Structure formats: C-alpha cells, structure tokens
Amino acid sequence: MVTHTTHSGGSTLKGAGIGLGIALIAGIGRKLAVQAPTALAASWDEALKLEHKATLEMFDKLEQTEENEPRKRTFLLMKLKNALARHAFEEENTIYPAMRDAGMKAEADDLNREHGYVKQYLYDLASLVEDHLAFQSKLASFRTDILSHMSDEEERLFPRLKGMLSERSSKELAAKMNREGLKLA
C-alpha cells in the first residue's frame, strides 16, 4: 500500500514569501515615488525649494477644510507631519552640517532651533483638529513662521552655502540629502 502525503506547509511558506516580496517591492516603490521629486531636482537647493512649495500646498489644503471636516484635517495634518519630518531629517543630517563646516555655525544652529518650533506647532495643531477656528488660527501663525524660515533659507542662506561649495561638493551634498530622504520616505 502506497500512501501519499501532502505538505501544505511548504505551499503556505512559499505564499508567505511571495507576499513578503511583493510588500517589500511595493514599499521600495512607494519610497522612490515619495523621494522622486527631490531626487530628480537639478541640485540640493532646488530640491529643497520644491519641498517647500509642496509644504505650502499642504497648508493650502488644510486652510480649505470646513468646520465639519476634522477627519480630513487629521489626515492632511498627518501628511504634513510626514513631509516635514522627512524634510527636516534631510536638512538636519546634511545641509546644516555642511553649513557648519562652511563656517555658518550660528545660522545652522538657528535653523535647527526653528525646526523645534515646527514640531511644537504640529503638536499643538494635533490637539486642535476638532476646534476649526482655533486650528485655523494656529495654522495661520505656523504658516507665517514657516514662510519666514523658508525665505531665509532660499533667499539668503542656501545661496551663500552653495557659493562656498565646489560643483563636486554640491553634487555630493545632493546625493547625501537624497539618501537621508529615502530613509523616511
């Protein structure tokens, strides 16, 4: 008498492995899609300008929410937090150290300190999503402060840093910044 046994465990493991592979590929694809606009920019400073522009577009969407849309505010605030976290991570781990190396220590430290206030605004906004008027008031203050921060970077500090870097150093800085961005994308 011959008996045949079926090993469904092998099929299950194979299916789980395929599922895990698909999930990993999807995760990598998502990371690349999130980081693509930054990675495809002409230079690190142009990439950061694009990120600033995208941030302001998220502010616009939050400002346009209606009183009866706390869930929408919560979702958009989460997207803003993620974008700002990635952006800050890039700057704090590449741009600001490069500024310090170029003799711009005080400026880099000031920018880094301002990032702490960004985190405070995000914390405060999270507790205000149900209170439309208070949320919009805090958001307006946040936008004013972040616009000042962005303008200082784009118009004064980043051009100064870029002027101190060789073309090669600038390209290396862009590559480092993109690697950092992919970590949180």
N, C-alpha and C. Protein backbone atom coordinates (compact mmCIF):
# COMPACT_ATOMS: atom_id res chain seq x y z
N MET A 1 0.83 -1.16 0.00
CA MET A 1 0.00 0.00 0.00
C MET A 1 0.89 1.24 0.00
N VAL A 2 0.61 2.14 -0.89
CA VAL A 2 1.38 3.37 -1.02
C VAL A 2 0.53 4.51 -0.48
N THR A 3 1.15 5.33 0.39
CA THR A 3 0.41 6.49 0.91
C THR A 3 1.06 7.76 0.38
N HIS A 4 0.23 8.68 0.10
CA HIS A 4 0.71 9.99 -0.37
C HIS A 4 0.39 11.02 0.70
N THR A 5 1.37 11.81 1.02
CA THR A 5 1.12 12.89 1.99
C THR A 5 1.28 14.22 1.28
N THR A 6 0.45 15.11 1.70
CA THR A 6 0.51 16.46 1.13
C THR A 6 1.10 17.38 2.18
N HIS A 7 2.04 18.15 1.77
CA HIS A 7 2.68 19.09 2.68
C HIS A 7 2.18 20.49 2.35
N SER A 8 1.11 20.87 2.97
CA SER A 8 0.57 22.21 2.73
C SER A 8 1.44 23.28 3.38
N GLY A 9 2.25 22.89 4.35
CA GLY A 9 3.14 23.85 5.00
C GLY A 9 4.10 24.48 4.01
N GLY A 10 4.59 23.70 3.06
CA GLY A 10 5.52 24.24 2.05
C GLY A 10 4.84 25.27 1.17
N SER A 11 3.60 25.01 0.80
CA SER A 11 2.85 25.96 -0.03
C SER A 11 2.57 27.24 0.74
N THR A 12 2.28 27.10 2.02
CA THR A 12 1.99 28.26 2.84
C THR A 12 3.23 29.13 2.97
N LEU A 13 4.37 28.48 3.21
CA LEU A 13 5.61 29.25 3.33
C LEU A 13 5.97 29.94 2.02
N LYS A 14 5.76 29.23 0.92
CA LYS A 14 6.06 29.82 -0.38
C LYS A 14 5.15 31.03 -0.63
N GLY A 15 3.87 30.91 -0.30
CA GLY A 15 2.92 32.01 -0.46
C GLY A 15 3.28 33.19 0.42
N ALA A 16 3.69 32.90 1.65
CA ALA A 16 4.09 33.98 2.55
C ALA A 16 5.34 34.69 2.03
N GLY A 17 6.27 33.92 1.49
CA GLY A 17 7.48 34.51 0.92
C GLY A 17 7.17 35.40 -0.26
N ILE A 18 6.25 34.97 -1.11
CA ILE A 18 5.86 35.79 -2.27
C ILE A 18 5.18 37.06 -1.79
N GLY A 19 4.30 36.91 -0.80
CA GLY A 19 3.61 38.08 -0.25
C GLY A 19 4.57 39.07 0.35
N LEU A 20 5.56 38.56 1.08
CA LEU A 20 6.56 39.43 1.68
C LEU A 20 7.38 40.13 0.60
N GLY A 21 7.72 39.41 -0.44
CA GLY A 21 8.48 40.00 -1.54
C GLY A 21 7.70 41.12 -2.22
N ILE A 22 6.41 40.89 -2.43
CA ILE A 22 5.57 41.92 -3.06
C ILE A 22 5.48 43.14 -2.15
N ALA A 23 5.32 42.90 -0.85
CA ALA A 23 5.23 44.01 0.10
C ALA A 23 6.52 44.83 0.12
N LEU A 24 7.67 44.15 0.07
CA LEU A 24 8.95 44.85 0.05
C LEU A 24 9.12 45.69 -1.21
N ILE A 25 8.74 45.11 -2.33
CA ILE A 25 8.83 45.83 -3.61
C ILE A 25 7.91 47.04 -3.59
N ALA A 26 6.69 46.85 -3.08
CA ALA A 26 5.74 47.97 -3.00
C ALA A 26 6.28 49.06 -2.08
N GLY A 27 6.87 48.68 -0.96
CA GLY A 27 7.44 49.66 -0.03
C GLY A 27 8.57 50.44 -0.66
N ILE A 28 9.43 49.75 -1.37
CA ILE A 28 10.54 50.42 -2.06
C ILE A 28 9.99 51.35 -3.14
N GLY A 29 9.00 50.88 -3.88
CA GLY A 29 8.38 51.71 -4.91
C GLY A 29 7.76 52.97 -4.33
N ARG A 30 7.09 52.84 -3.18
CA ARG A 30 6.48 53.99 -2.52
C ARG A 30 7.56 54.98 -2.08
N LYS A 31 8.64 54.47 -1.50
CA LYS A 31 9.74 55.33 -1.07
C LYS A 31 10.31 56.11 -2.26
N LEU A 32 10.52 55.41 -3.36
CA LEU A 32 11.08 56.06 -4.54
C LEU A 32 10.12 57.11 -5.09
N ALA A 33 8.82 56.81 -5.07
CA ALA A 33 7.83 57.78 -5.56
C ALA A 33 7.80 59.02 -4.69
N VAL A 34 7.88 58.85 -3.37
CA VAL A 34 7.86 59.98 -2.45
C VAL A 34 9.11 60.84 -2.63
N GLN A 35 10.25 60.21 -2.82
CA GLN A 35 11.52 60.93 -2.90
C GLN A 35 11.85 61.40 -4.31
N ALA A 36 11.13 60.91 -5.31
CA ALA A 36 11.47 61.20 -6.71
C ALA A 36 11.56 62.69 -7.03
N PRO A 37 10.58 63.52 -6.63
CA PRO A 37 10.71 64.94 -6.99
C PRO A 37 12.00 65.57 -6.45
N THR A 38 12.39 65.17 -5.25
CA THR A 38 13.62 65.69 -4.65
C THR A 38 14.84 65.14 -5.39
N ALA A 39 14.82 63.84 -5.64
CA ALA A 39 15.96 63.19 -6.30
C ALA A 39 16.17 63.68 -7.72
N LEU A 40 15.09 64.06 -8.39
CA LEU A 40 15.18 64.47 -9.79
C LEU A 40 15.47 65.96 -9.97
N ALA A 41 15.51 66.71 -8.88
CA ALA A 41 15.79 68.14 -8.98
C ALA A 41 17.22 68.36 -9.46
N ALA A 42 17.46 69.52 -10.01
CA ALA A 42 18.77 69.84 -10.58
C ALA A 42 19.87 69.91 -9.52
N SER A 43 19.52 70.32 -8.31
CA SER A 43 20.52 70.46 -7.25
C SER A 43 19.83 70.37 -5.90
N TRP A 44 20.62 70.28 -4.83
CA TRP A 44 20.05 70.14 -3.50
C TRP A 44 19.18 71.33 -3.11
N ASP A 45 19.60 72.53 -3.48
CA ASP A 45 18.82 73.70 -3.12
C ASP A 45 17.51 73.78 -3.91
N GLU A 46 17.55 73.37 -5.16
CA GLU A 46 16.32 73.33 -5.95
C GLU A 46 15.37 72.26 -5.40
N ALA A 47 15.93 71.14 -4.97
CA ALA A 47 15.12 70.08 -4.37
C ALA A 47 14.41 70.59 -3.12
N LEU A 48 15.15 71.32 -2.29
CA LEU A 48 14.54 71.85 -1.06
C LEU A 48 13.48 72.90 -1.38
N LYS A 49 13.68 73.69 -2.42
CA LYS A 49 12.65 74.65 -2.84
C LYS A 49 11.38 73.91 -3.27
N LEU A 50 11.54 72.80 -3.98
CA LEU A 50 10.38 72.01 -4.38
C LEU A 50 9.64 71.45 -3.16
N GLU A 51 10.40 71.02 -2.18
CA GLU A 51 9.78 70.51 -0.96
C GLU A 51 9.06 71.64 -0.21
N HIS A 52 9.65 72.83 -0.21
CA HIS A 52 8.99 73.97 0.42
C HIS A 52 7.66 74.27 -0.28
N LYS A 53 7.69 74.25 -1.59
CA LYS A 53 6.47 74.51 -2.38
C LYS A 53 5.40 73.47 -2.06
N ALA A 54 5.78 72.20 -2.00
CA ALA A 54 4.82 71.13 -1.70
C ALA A 54 4.25 71.31 -0.29
N THR A 55 5.08 71.77 0.63
CA THR A 55 4.62 72.02 2.00
C THR A 55 3.56 73.11 2.01
N LEU A 56 3.80 74.18 1.29
CA LEU A 56 2.82 75.26 1.25
C LEU A 56 1.51 74.81 0.60
N GLU A 57 1.59 73.90 -0.35
CA GLU A 57 0.37 73.34 -0.94
C GLU A 57 -0.42 72.54 0.09
N MET A 58 0.28 71.86 1.00
CA MET A 58 -0.41 71.13 2.07
C MET A 58 -1.07 72.11 3.04
N PHE A 59 -0.40 73.22 3.31
CA PHE A 59 -1.01 74.26 4.13
C PHE A 59 -2.30 74.75 3.48
N ASP A 60 -2.25 74.98 2.16
CA ASP A 60 -3.44 75.44 1.43
C ASP A 60 -4.60 74.47 1.63
N LYS A 61 -4.33 73.19 1.51
CA LYS A 61 -5.38 72.18 1.66
C LYS A 61 -5.94 72.19 3.08
N LEU A 62 -5.08 72.34 4.07
CA LEU A 62 -5.55 72.41 5.45
C LEU A 62 -6.39 73.66 5.69
N GLU A 63 -5.97 74.77 5.10
CA GLU A 63 -6.72 76.03 5.26
C GLU A 63 -8.10 75.94 4.62
N GLN A 64 -8.24 75.09 3.62
CA GLN A 64 -9.51 74.98 2.89
C GLN A 64 -10.50 74.01 3.53
N THR A 65 -10.09 73.34 4.61
CA THR A 65 -11.02 72.41 5.26
C THR A 65 -12.15 73.19 5.90
N GLU A 66 -13.31 72.56 5.93
CA GLU A 66 -14.50 73.16 6.52
C GLU A 66 -14.62 72.77 7.99
N GLU A 67 -15.48 73.47 8.69
CA GLU A 67 -15.67 73.24 10.13
C GLU A 67 -16.04 71.79 10.43
N ASN A 68 -16.82 71.18 9.57
CA ASN A 68 -17.30 69.81 9.80
C ASN A 68 -16.37 68.73 9.24
N GLU A 69 -15.10 69.05 9.05
CA GLU A 69 -14.16 68.10 8.46
C GLU A 69 -12.95 67.81 9.36
N PRO A 70 -13.16 67.47 10.62
CA PRO A 70 -11.99 67.19 11.48
C PRO A 70 -11.20 65.96 11.02
N ARG A 71 -11.87 64.97 10.44
CA ARG A 71 -11.13 63.80 9.94
C ARG A 71 -10.23 64.17 8.78
N LYS A 72 -10.72 65.02 7.91
CA LYS A 72 -9.90 65.48 6.78
C LYS A 72 -8.71 66.28 7.29
N ARG A 73 -8.94 67.15 8.30
CA ARG A 73 -7.82 67.91 8.90
C ARG A 73 -6.80 66.96 9.51
N THR A 74 -7.29 65.93 10.20
CA THR A 74 -6.38 64.96 10.83
C THR A 74 -5.53 64.27 9.77
N PHE A 75 -6.16 63.84 8.68
CA PHE A 75 -5.43 63.16 7.61
C PHE A 75 -4.41 64.09 6.95
N LEU A 76 -4.83 65.30 6.62
CA LEU A 76 -3.92 66.25 5.98
C LEU A 76 -2.79 66.66 6.92
N LEU A 77 -3.09 66.79 8.20
CA LEU A 77 -2.06 67.12 9.17
C LEU A 77 -1.03 66.00 9.26
N MET A 78 -1.50 64.75 9.20
CA MET A 78 -0.58 63.60 9.20
C MET A 78 0.35 63.66 7.99
N LYS A 79 -0.20 63.98 6.82
CA LYS A 79 0.62 64.10 5.62
C LYS A 79 1.64 65.23 5.76
N LEU A 80 1.21 66.35 6.34
CA LEU A 80 2.11 67.47 6.55
C LEU A 80 3.23 67.09 7.52
N LYS A 81 2.87 66.41 8.61
CA LYS A 81 3.88 65.96 9.58
C LYS A 81 4.91 65.06 8.92
N ASN A 82 4.46 64.11 8.12
CA ASN A 82 5.38 63.19 7.44
C ASN A 82 6.31 63.93 6.49
N ALA A 83 5.76 64.84 5.71
CA ALA A 83 6.57 65.59 4.75
C ALA A 83 7.59 66.47 5.48
N LEU A 84 7.16 67.13 6.54
CA LEU A 84 8.07 67.99 7.28
C LEU A 84 9.13 67.19 8.03
N ALA A 85 8.76 66.02 8.52
CA ALA A 85 9.74 65.17 9.22
C ALA A 85 10.84 64.74 8.25
N ARG A 86 10.46 64.32 7.05
CA ARG A 86 11.45 63.90 6.05
C ARG A 86 12.32 65.09 5.65
N HIS A 87 11.69 66.23 5.43
CA HIS A 87 12.40 67.44 5.02
C HIS A 87 13.40 67.87 6.11
N ALA A 88 12.95 67.90 7.35
CA ALA A 88 13.83 68.28 8.46
C ALA A 88 14.98 67.29 8.60
N PHE A 89 14.69 66.01 8.44
CA PHE A 89 15.72 64.97 8.54
C PHE A 89 16.80 65.21 7.49
N GLU A 90 16.38 65.53 6.27
CA GLU A 90 17.35 65.82 5.20
C GLU A 90 18.22 67.02 5.57
N GLU A 91 17.56 68.10 5.97
CA GLU A 91 18.31 69.32 6.27
C GLU A 91 19.22 69.14 7.49
N GLU A 92 18.69 68.56 8.56
CA GLU A 92 19.44 68.43 9.80
C GLU A 92 20.61 67.46 9.69
N ASN A 93 20.51 66.50 8.78
CA ASN A 93 21.57 65.49 8.66
C ASN A 93 22.52 65.75 7.50
N THR A 94 22.24 66.73 6.67
CA THR A 94 23.16 67.00 5.56
C THR A 94 23.43 68.50 5.38
N ILE A 95 22.39 69.28 5.19
CA ILE A 95 22.57 70.69 4.84
C ILE A 95 23.15 71.49 6.01
N TYR A 96 22.55 71.34 7.18
CA TYR A 96 23.02 72.11 8.33
C TYR A 96 24.44 71.72 8.73
N PRO A 97 24.81 70.43 8.71
CA PRO A 97 26.22 70.12 8.97
C PRO A 97 27.16 70.73 7.92
N ALA A 98 26.72 70.76 6.65
CA ALA A 98 27.54 71.37 5.61
C ALA A 98 27.68 72.88 5.87
N MET A 99 26.61 73.49 6.36
CA MET A 99 26.68 74.92 6.70
C MET A 99 27.70 75.13 7.83
N ARG A 100 27.65 74.26 8.84
CA ARG A 100 28.60 74.40 9.95
C ARG A 100 30.03 74.24 9.45
N ASP A 101 30.25 73.25 8.59
CA ASP A 101 31.59 73.02 8.03
C ASP A 101 32.07 74.22 7.21
N ALA A 102 31.13 74.96 6.62
CA ALA A 102 31.48 76.11 5.79
C ALA A 102 31.58 77.40 6.61
N GLY A 103 31.53 77.28 7.94
CA GLY A 103 31.66 78.46 8.78
C GLY A 103 30.34 79.16 9.08
N MET A 104 29.24 78.50 8.81
CA MET A 104 27.91 79.08 9.05
C MET A 104 27.24 78.41 10.26
N LYS A 105 28.01 78.23 11.33
CA LYS A 105 27.52 77.50 12.51
C LYS A 105 26.32 78.18 13.14
N ALA A 106 26.39 79.48 13.39
CA ALA A 106 25.29 80.19 14.06
C ALA A 106 24.01 80.10 13.23
N GLU A 107 24.14 80.25 11.92
CA GLU A 107 22.97 80.19 11.04
C GLU A 107 22.35 78.79 11.06
N ALA A 108 23.20 77.77 10.99
CA ALA A 108 22.71 76.39 11.01
C ALA A 108 22.03 76.09 12.34
N ASP A 109 22.62 76.55 13.42
CA ASP A 109 22.03 76.33 14.74
C ASP A 109 20.68 77.04 14.86
N ASP A 110 20.57 78.25 14.31
CA ASP A 110 19.29 78.97 14.34
C ASP A 110 18.22 78.21 13.55
N LEU A 111 18.58 77.73 12.37
CA LEU A 111 17.62 76.97 11.56
C LEU A 111 17.19 75.69 12.28
N ASN A 112 18.14 75.03 12.88
CA ASN A 112 17.84 73.79 13.60
C ASN A 112 16.90 74.08 14.79
N ARG A 113 17.14 75.17 15.48
CA ARG A 113 16.28 75.57 16.60
C ARG A 113 14.86 75.85 16.11
N GLU A 114 14.76 76.49 14.95
CA GLU A 114 13.43 76.76 14.38
C GLU A 114 12.68 75.47 14.07
N HIS A 115 13.39 74.42 13.73
CA HIS A 115 12.73 73.13 13.49
C HIS A 115 12.03 72.64 14.76
N GLY A 116 12.58 72.98 15.90
CA GLY A 116 11.91 72.62 17.16
C GLY A 116 10.56 73.30 17.28
N TYR A 117 10.47 74.54 16.82
CA TYR A 117 9.19 75.25 16.85
C TYR A 117 8.20 74.65 15.86
N VAL A 118 8.70 74.14 14.75
CA VAL A 118 7.83 73.44 13.79
C VAL A 118 7.18 72.25 14.50
N LYS A 119 7.97 71.51 15.23
CA LYS A 119 7.43 70.35 15.96
C LYS A 119 6.40 70.79 16.99
N GLN A 120 6.63 71.92 17.64
CA GLN A 120 5.67 72.44 18.61
C GLN A 120 4.35 72.79 17.93
N TYR A 121 4.41 73.45 16.79
CA TYR A 121 3.20 73.78 16.04
C TYR A 121 2.44 72.50 15.68
N LEU A 122 3.14 71.51 15.19
CA LEU A 122 2.48 70.26 14.81
C LEU A 122 1.82 69.59 16.00
N TYR A 123 2.48 69.63 17.13
CA TYR A 123 1.92 69.07 18.36
C TYR A 123 0.65 69.83 18.75
N ASP A 124 0.72 71.15 18.72
CA ASP A 124 -0.44 71.96 19.07
C ASP A 124 -1.60 71.75 18.11
N LEU A 125 -1.31 71.71 16.83
CA LEU A 125 -2.36 71.52 15.83
C LEU A 125 -3.08 70.18 16.00
N ALA A 126 -2.34 69.15 16.37
CA ALA A 126 -2.95 67.83 16.55
C ALA A 126 -4.04 67.87 17.62
N SER A 127 -3.89 68.71 18.61
CA SER A 127 -4.90 68.79 19.67
C SER A 127 -6.05 69.72 19.31
N LEU A 128 -5.96 70.40 18.18
CA LEU A 128 -6.98 71.38 17.79
C LEU A 128 -7.83 70.96 16.60
N VAL A 129 -7.67 69.76 16.09
CA VAL A 129 -8.39 69.38 14.85
C VAL A 129 -9.91 69.45 15.00
N GLU A 130 -10.42 69.27 16.20
CA GLU A 130 -11.87 69.33 16.41
C GLU A 130 -12.38 70.77 16.54
N ASP A 131 -11.48 71.70 16.83
CA ASP A 131 -11.84 73.11 17.01
C ASP A 131 -11.38 73.88 15.77
N HIS A 132 -12.26 73.97 14.81
CA HIS A 132 -11.92 74.53 13.50
C HIS A 132 -11.29 75.93 13.60
N LEU A 133 -11.91 76.83 14.35
CA LEU A 133 -11.41 78.20 14.42
C LEU A 133 -10.03 78.27 15.08
N ALA A 134 -9.85 77.55 16.19
CA ALA A 134 -8.55 77.55 16.86
C ALA A 134 -7.49 76.89 15.97
N PHE A 135 -7.88 75.83 15.28
CA PHE A 135 -6.96 75.15 14.36
C PHE A 135 -6.49 76.12 13.27
N GLN A 136 -7.46 76.81 12.65
CA GLN A 136 -7.12 77.73 11.55
C GLN A 136 -6.26 78.90 12.04
N SER A 137 -6.51 79.37 13.23
CA SER A 137 -5.71 80.46 13.80
C SER A 137 -4.26 80.00 14.03
N LYS A 138 -4.10 78.83 14.63
CA LYS A 138 -2.76 78.29 14.88
C LYS A 138 -2.06 77.99 13.55
N LEU A 139 -2.80 77.46 12.58
CA LEU A 139 -2.24 77.15 11.27
C LEU A 139 -1.73 78.42 10.59
N ALA A 140 -2.48 79.52 10.72
CA ALA A 140 -2.06 80.79 10.11
C ALA A 140 -0.75 81.28 10.74
N SER A 141 -0.63 81.17 12.05
CA SER A 141 0.62 81.55 12.73
C SER A 141 1.77 80.67 12.26
N PHE A 142 1.50 79.39 12.16
CA PHE A 142 2.51 78.43 11.70
C PHE A 142 2.97 78.78 10.30
N ARG A 143 2.01 79.06 9.42
CA ARG A 143 2.37 79.39 8.04
C ARG A 143 3.26 80.63 7.98
N THR A 144 2.93 81.64 8.78
CA THR A 144 3.75 82.86 8.81
C THR A 144 5.18 82.55 9.22
N ASP A 145 5.32 81.76 10.28
CA ASP A 145 6.66 81.41 10.76
C ASP A 145 7.42 80.53 9.77
N ILE A 146 6.73 79.57 9.17
CA ILE A 146 7.43 78.65 8.26
C ILE A 146 7.80 79.38 6.96
N LEU A 147 6.98 80.33 6.53
CA LEU A 147 7.33 81.13 5.35
C LEU A 147 8.60 81.94 5.60
N SER A 148 8.72 82.49 6.79
CA SER A 148 9.92 83.25 7.14
C SER A 148 11.14 82.33 7.13
N HIS A 149 11.00 81.14 7.69
CA HIS A 149 12.09 80.14 7.72
C HIS A 149 12.50 79.77 6.29
N MET A 150 11.51 79.46 5.46
CA MET A 150 11.79 79.05 4.08
C MET A 150 12.46 80.18 3.30
N SER A 151 11.96 81.39 3.46
CA SER A 151 12.53 82.54 2.74
C SER A 151 13.97 82.77 3.13
N ASP A 152 14.25 82.67 4.42
CA ASP A 152 15.62 82.86 4.90
C ASP A 152 16.54 81.81 4.28
N GLU A 153 16.07 80.58 4.23
CA GLU A 153 16.88 79.51 3.62
C GLU A 153 17.09 79.77 2.13
N GLU A 154 15.99 79.98 1.41
CA GLU A 154 16.04 80.07 -0.05
C GLU A 154 16.72 81.33 -0.57
N GLU A 155 16.51 82.44 0.10
CA GLU A 155 16.99 83.71 -0.43
C GLU A 155 18.36 84.13 0.11
N ARG A 156 18.69 83.66 1.31
CA ARG A 156 19.92 84.15 1.93
C ARG A 156 20.92 83.04 2.22
N LEU A 157 20.49 82.02 2.94
CA LEU A 157 21.45 81.05 3.47
C LEU A 157 21.89 79.99 2.47
N PHE A 158 20.94 79.39 1.76
CA PHE A 158 21.32 78.35 0.81
C PHE A 158 22.16 78.90 -0.34
N PRO A 159 21.81 80.07 -0.90
CA PRO A 159 22.70 80.62 -1.95
C PRO A 159 24.12 80.88 -1.42
N ARG A 160 24.20 81.33 -0.18
CA ARG A 160 25.53 81.58 0.42
C ARG A 160 26.31 80.28 0.54
N LEU A 161 25.66 79.23 1.05
CA LEU A 161 26.32 77.93 1.17
C LEU A 161 26.72 77.41 -0.21
N LYS A 162 25.80 77.47 -1.15
CA LYS A 162 26.09 76.95 -2.49
C LYS A 162 27.29 77.66 -3.11
N GLY A 163 27.41 78.94 -2.85
CA GLY A 163 28.54 79.71 -3.37
C GLY A 163 29.88 79.28 -2.78
N MET A 164 29.85 78.65 -1.62
CA MET A 164 31.08 78.19 -0.97
C MET A 164 31.46 76.77 -1.38
N LEU A 165 30.55 76.06 -2.02
CA LEU A 165 30.80 74.66 -2.38
C LEU A 165 31.29 74.53 -3.80
N SER A 166 32.19 73.60 -4.02
CA SER A 166 32.58 73.27 -5.39
C SER A 166 31.41 72.53 -6.03
N GLU A 167 31.45 72.42 -7.34
CA GLU A 167 30.39 71.69 -8.04
C GLU A 167 30.33 70.24 -7.56
N ARG A 168 31.48 69.66 -7.37
CA ARG A 168 31.54 68.27 -6.89
C ARG A 168 30.95 68.14 -5.49
N SER A 169 31.33 69.05 -4.59
CA SER A 169 30.81 69.02 -3.23
C SER A 169 29.30 69.22 -3.21
N SER A 170 28.82 70.08 -4.08
CA SER A 170 27.38 70.33 -4.16
C SER A 170 26.64 69.07 -4.63
N LYS A 171 27.21 68.37 -5.61
CA LYS A 171 26.60 67.12 -6.08
C LYS A 171 26.63 66.05 -5.00
N GLU A 172 27.72 65.97 -4.27
CA GLU A 172 27.83 65.00 -3.17
C GLU A 172 26.81 65.32 -2.08
N LEU A 173 26.62 66.59 -1.81
CA LEU A 173 25.65 67.00 -0.81
C LEU A 173 24.23 66.62 -1.25
N ALA A 174 23.93 66.81 -2.51
CA ALA A 174 22.61 66.42 -3.04
C ALA A 174 22.39 64.92 -2.90
N ALA A 175 23.42 64.13 -3.21
CA ALA A 175 23.30 62.67 -3.09
C ALA A 175 23.09 62.26 -1.64
N LYS A 176 23.82 62.87 -0.73
CA LYS A 176 23.65 62.57 0.71
C LYS A 176 22.24 62.93 1.16
N MET A 177 21.78 64.08 0.73
CA MET A 177 20.45 64.55 1.13
C MET A 177 19.37 63.58 0.63
N ASN A 178 19.51 63.11 -0.59
CA ASN A 178 18.54 62.17 -1.13
C ASN A 178 18.56 60.84 -0.39
N ARG A 179 19.74 60.37 -0.02
CA ARG A 179 19.83 59.14 0.78
C ARG A 179 19.12 59.30 2.11
N GLU A 180 19.31 60.47 2.75
CA GLU A 180 18.64 60.73 4.02
C GLU A 180 17.13 60.77 3.83
N GLY A 181 16.69 61.41 2.76
CA GLY A 181 15.25 61.50 2.49
C GLY A 181 14.61 60.14 2.27
N LEU A 182 15.34 59.26 1.61
CA LEU A 182 14.80 57.91 1.37
C LEU A 182 14.59 57.14 2.67
N LYS A 183 15.35 57.45 3.69
CA LYS A 183 15.21 56.75 4.97
C LYS A 183 13.83 56.97 5.59
N LEU A 184 13.25 58.15 5.35
CA LEU A 184 11.94 58.45 5.94
C LEU A 184 10.82 58.51 4.92
N ALA A 185 11.14 58.32 3.65
CA ALA A 185 10.10 58.40 2.60
C ALA A 185 9.11 57.25 2.75
